[in-house]
Amino acid sequence: METAGKILLVTAVVLAILGLGALGLAKLGVDRVPGTLSWRSDNVTVFIPVGLMLLVSIVGTIVLNLFLRR
């Protein structure tokens, strides 16, 4: 049970750091990168950041390959 607690704490810290990073990037204007699809209705606006998802996926894949390579 002690290991599960440590995993949850590390996960919470990582999520907090990612959240702060996302807020910082939004203040810099990175939340509207090219490739963001938007759909507007009367009372609803939906943004789908396809470009940002691809960028995060590529960077994550490179980082994980560098650290987890045997």
N, C-alpha and C. Protein backbone atom coordinates (compact mmCIF):
# COMPACT_ATOMS: atom_id res chain seq x y z
N MET A 1 0.82 -1.20 0.00
CA MET A 1 0.00 0.00 0.00
C MET A 1 0.86 1.26 0.00
N GLU A 2 2.04 1.16 0.58
CA GLU A 2 2.93 2.31 0.63
C GLU A 2 3.40 2.71 -0.77
N THR A 3 3.63 1.73 -1.62
CA THR A 3 4.06 2.00 -2.99
C THR A 3 2.96 2.72 -3.77
N ALA A 4 1.72 2.31 -3.57
CA ALA A 4 0.60 2.97 -4.27
C ALA A 4 0.49 4.43 -3.85
N GLY A 5 0.73 4.72 -2.59
CA GLY A 5 0.70 6.10 -2.12
C GLY A 5 1.78 6.95 -2.76
N LYS A 6 2.98 6.37 -2.89
CA LYS A 6 4.08 7.10 -3.52
C LYS A 6 3.77 7.36 -4.99
N ILE A 7 3.21 6.37 -5.66
CA ILE A 7 2.86 6.54 -7.07
C ILE A 7 1.82 7.64 -7.24
N LEU A 8 0.82 7.66 -6.37
CA LEU A 8 -0.21 8.71 -6.44
C LEU A 8 0.38 10.09 -6.18
N LEU A 9 1.30 10.20 -5.23
CA LEU A 9 1.92 11.49 -4.95
C LEU A 9 2.76 11.97 -6.13
N VAL A 10 3.53 11.09 -6.73
CA VAL A 10 4.35 11.47 -7.88
C VAL A 10 3.46 11.87 -9.05
N THR A 11 2.38 11.13 -9.26
CA THR A 11 1.44 11.46 -10.34
C THR A 11 0.82 12.84 -10.11
N ALA A 12 0.45 13.13 -8.87
CA ALA A 12 -0.15 14.44 -8.56
C ALA A 12 0.85 15.56 -8.80
N VAL A 13 2.10 15.36 -8.43
CA VAL A 13 3.12 16.40 -8.63
C VAL A 13 3.35 16.62 -10.12
N VAL A 14 3.42 15.53 -10.89
CA VAL A 14 3.63 15.65 -12.34
C VAL A 14 2.46 16.38 -12.99
N LEU A 15 1.23 16.05 -12.58
CA LEU A 15 0.05 16.73 -13.13
C LEU A 15 0.04 18.21 -12.76
N ALA A 16 0.45 18.53 -11.55
CA ALA A 16 0.51 19.94 -11.13
C ALA A 16 1.53 20.71 -11.97
N ILE A 17 2.69 20.09 -12.21
CA ILE A 17 3.72 20.74 -13.03
C ILE A 17 3.22 20.93 -14.45
N LEU A 18 2.56 19.91 -15.01
CA LEU A 18 2.01 20.03 -16.36
C LEU A 18 0.94 21.11 -16.43
N GLY A 19 0.12 21.20 -15.40
CA GLY A 19 -0.91 22.24 -15.37
C GLY A 19 -0.32 23.64 -15.31
N LEU A 20 0.70 23.81 -14.50
CA LEU A 20 1.36 25.12 -14.44
C LEU A 20 2.05 25.45 -15.76
N GLY A 21 2.63 24.44 -16.39
CA GLY A 21 3.23 24.65 -17.70
C GLY A 21 2.20 25.04 -18.74
N ALA A 22 1.03 24.40 -18.70
CA ALA A 22 -0.03 24.74 -19.64
C ALA A 22 -0.53 26.17 -19.43
N LEU A 23 -0.65 26.58 -18.16
CA LEU A 23 -1.05 27.96 -17.88
C LEU A 23 -0.01 28.95 -18.39
N GLY A 24 1.26 28.63 -18.17
CA GLY A 24 2.33 29.50 -18.64
C GLY A 24 2.35 29.62 -20.16
N LEU A 25 2.16 28.49 -20.84
CA LEU A 25 2.13 28.51 -22.31
C LEU A 25 0.92 29.27 -22.83
N ALA A 26 -0.21 29.17 -22.14
CA ALA A 26 -1.41 29.89 -22.56
C ALA A 26 -1.19 31.40 -22.46
N LYS A 27 -0.47 31.84 -21.43
CA LYS A 27 -0.18 33.27 -21.30
C LYS A 27 0.75 33.76 -22.41
N LEU A 28 1.57 32.85 -22.94
CA LEU A 28 2.47 33.20 -24.04
C LEU A 28 1.79 33.10 -25.40
N GLY A 29 0.57 32.58 -25.43
CA GLY A 29 -0.17 32.50 -26.68
C GLY A 29 0.01 31.19 -27.43
N VAL A 30 0.49 30.17 -26.76
CA VAL A 30 0.73 28.88 -27.42
C VAL A 30 -0.54 28.03 -27.46
N ASP A 31 -1.60 28.48 -26.81
CA ASP A 31 -2.83 27.68 -26.81
C ASP A 31 -3.53 27.69 -28.16
N ARG A 32 -3.22 28.63 -29.01
CA ARG A 32 -3.84 28.72 -30.34
C ARG A 32 -2.80 28.51 -31.43
N VAL A 33 -2.21 27.33 -31.47
CA VAL A 33 -1.21 27.02 -32.49
C VAL A 33 -1.91 26.69 -33.80
N PRO A 34 -1.19 26.75 -34.91
CA PRO A 34 -1.80 26.36 -36.18
C PRO A 34 -2.28 24.91 -36.11
N GLY A 35 -3.39 24.64 -36.69
CA GLY A 35 -3.96 23.30 -36.65
C GLY A 35 -5.06 23.17 -35.62
N THR A 36 -5.43 24.26 -34.96
CA THR A 36 -6.52 24.22 -33.99
C THR A 36 -7.84 24.37 -34.74
N LEU A 37 -8.67 23.37 -34.62
CA LEU A 37 -9.99 23.40 -35.25
C LEU A 37 -10.98 24.01 -34.28
N SER A 38 -11.84 24.88 -34.76
CA SER A 38 -12.84 25.47 -33.88
C SER A 38 -14.22 25.36 -34.53
N TRP A 39 -15.20 25.13 -33.67
CA TRP A 39 -16.58 25.02 -34.11
C TRP A 39 -17.41 25.90 -33.19
N ARG A 40 -18.17 26.80 -33.80
CA ARG A 40 -18.98 27.74 -33.01
C ARG A 40 -20.45 27.54 -33.33
N SER A 41 -21.22 27.52 -32.29
CA SER A 41 -22.67 27.45 -32.39
C SER A 41 -23.23 28.67 -31.67
N ASP A 42 -24.52 28.69 -31.42
CA ASP A 42 -25.13 29.84 -30.76
C ASP A 42 -24.51 30.10 -29.38
N ASN A 43 -24.50 29.10 -28.53
CA ASN A 43 -24.01 29.27 -27.16
C ASN A 43 -22.79 28.41 -26.85
N VAL A 44 -22.26 27.71 -27.84
CA VAL A 44 -21.19 26.75 -27.59
C VAL A 44 -20.03 27.02 -28.55
N THR A 45 -18.82 26.99 -28.01
CA THR A 45 -17.62 27.05 -28.83
C THR A 45 -16.73 25.88 -28.44
N VAL A 46 -16.31 25.11 -29.42
CA VAL A 46 -15.47 23.93 -29.18
C VAL A 46 -14.15 24.13 -29.93
N PHE A 47 -13.03 23.96 -29.22
CA PHE A 47 -11.71 24.03 -29.82
C PHE A 47 -11.09 22.64 -29.76
N ILE A 48 -10.54 22.19 -30.88
CA ILE A 48 -9.86 20.90 -30.94
C ILE A 48 -8.42 21.17 -31.40
N PRO A 49 -7.46 21.11 -30.47
CA PRO A 49 -6.08 21.48 -30.80
C PRO A 49 -5.32 20.32 -31.45
N VAL A 50 -5.60 20.02 -32.69
CA VAL A 50 -4.97 18.91 -33.38
C VAL A 50 -3.47 19.13 -33.52
N GLY A 51 -3.06 20.34 -33.87
CA GLY A 51 -1.65 20.64 -34.02
C GLY A 51 -0.88 20.47 -32.72
N LEU A 52 -1.46 20.94 -31.62
CA LEU A 52 -0.81 20.81 -30.32
C LEU A 52 -0.76 19.35 -29.89
N MET A 53 -1.80 18.59 -30.19
CA MET A 53 -1.80 17.16 -29.85
C MET A 53 -0.69 16.43 -30.60
N LEU A 54 -0.50 16.75 -31.87
CA LEU A 54 0.57 16.13 -32.65
C LEU A 54 1.94 16.52 -32.10
N LEU A 55 2.11 17.79 -31.76
CA LEU A 55 3.38 18.26 -31.22
C LEU A 55 3.71 17.57 -29.89
N VAL A 56 2.74 17.48 -29.00
CA VAL A 56 2.96 16.82 -27.71
C VAL A 56 3.26 15.33 -27.92
N SER A 57 2.56 14.71 -28.86
CA SER A 57 2.80 13.29 -29.14
C SER A 57 4.20 13.05 -29.67
N ILE A 58 4.66 13.87 -30.58
CA ILE A 58 6.00 13.70 -31.15
C ILE A 58 7.07 13.94 -30.10
N VAL A 59 6.94 15.03 -29.33
CA VAL A 59 7.92 15.32 -28.29
C VAL A 59 7.91 14.24 -27.22
N GLY A 60 6.74 13.79 -26.82
CA GLY A 60 6.65 12.71 -25.82
C GLY A 60 7.27 11.42 -26.30
N THR A 61 7.06 11.08 -27.56
CA THR A 61 7.65 9.87 -28.12
C THR A 61 9.17 9.96 -28.13
N ILE A 62 9.70 11.10 -28.51
CA ILE A 62 11.15 11.27 -28.53
C ILE A 62 11.74 11.18 -27.12
N VAL A 63 11.10 11.87 -26.17
CA VAL A 63 11.60 11.86 -24.80
C VAL A 63 11.55 10.45 -24.21
N LEU A 64 10.43 9.76 -24.40
CA LEU A 64 10.33 8.40 -23.85
C LEU A 64 11.31 7.46 -24.51
N ASN A 65 11.54 7.59 -25.81
CA ASN A 65 12.53 6.75 -26.48
C ASN A 65 13.93 7.01 -25.96
N LEU A 66 14.24 8.25 -25.64
CA LEU A 66 15.57 8.55 -25.12
C LEU A 66 15.78 7.98 -23.71
N PHE A 67 14.75 8.07 -22.88
CA PHE A 67 14.89 7.62 -21.49
C PHE A 67 14.65 6.13 -21.29
N LEU A 68 13.81 5.53 -22.10
CA LEU A 68 13.46 4.12 -21.90
C LEU A 68 14.17 3.17 -22.84
N ARG A 69 15.08 3.66 -23.65
CA ARG A 69 15.81 2.80 -24.58
C ARG A 69 16.77 1.92 -23.80
N ARG A 70 16.85 0.67 -24.20
CA ARG A 70 17.73 -0.27 -23.49
C ARG A 70 19.00 -0.46 -24.24
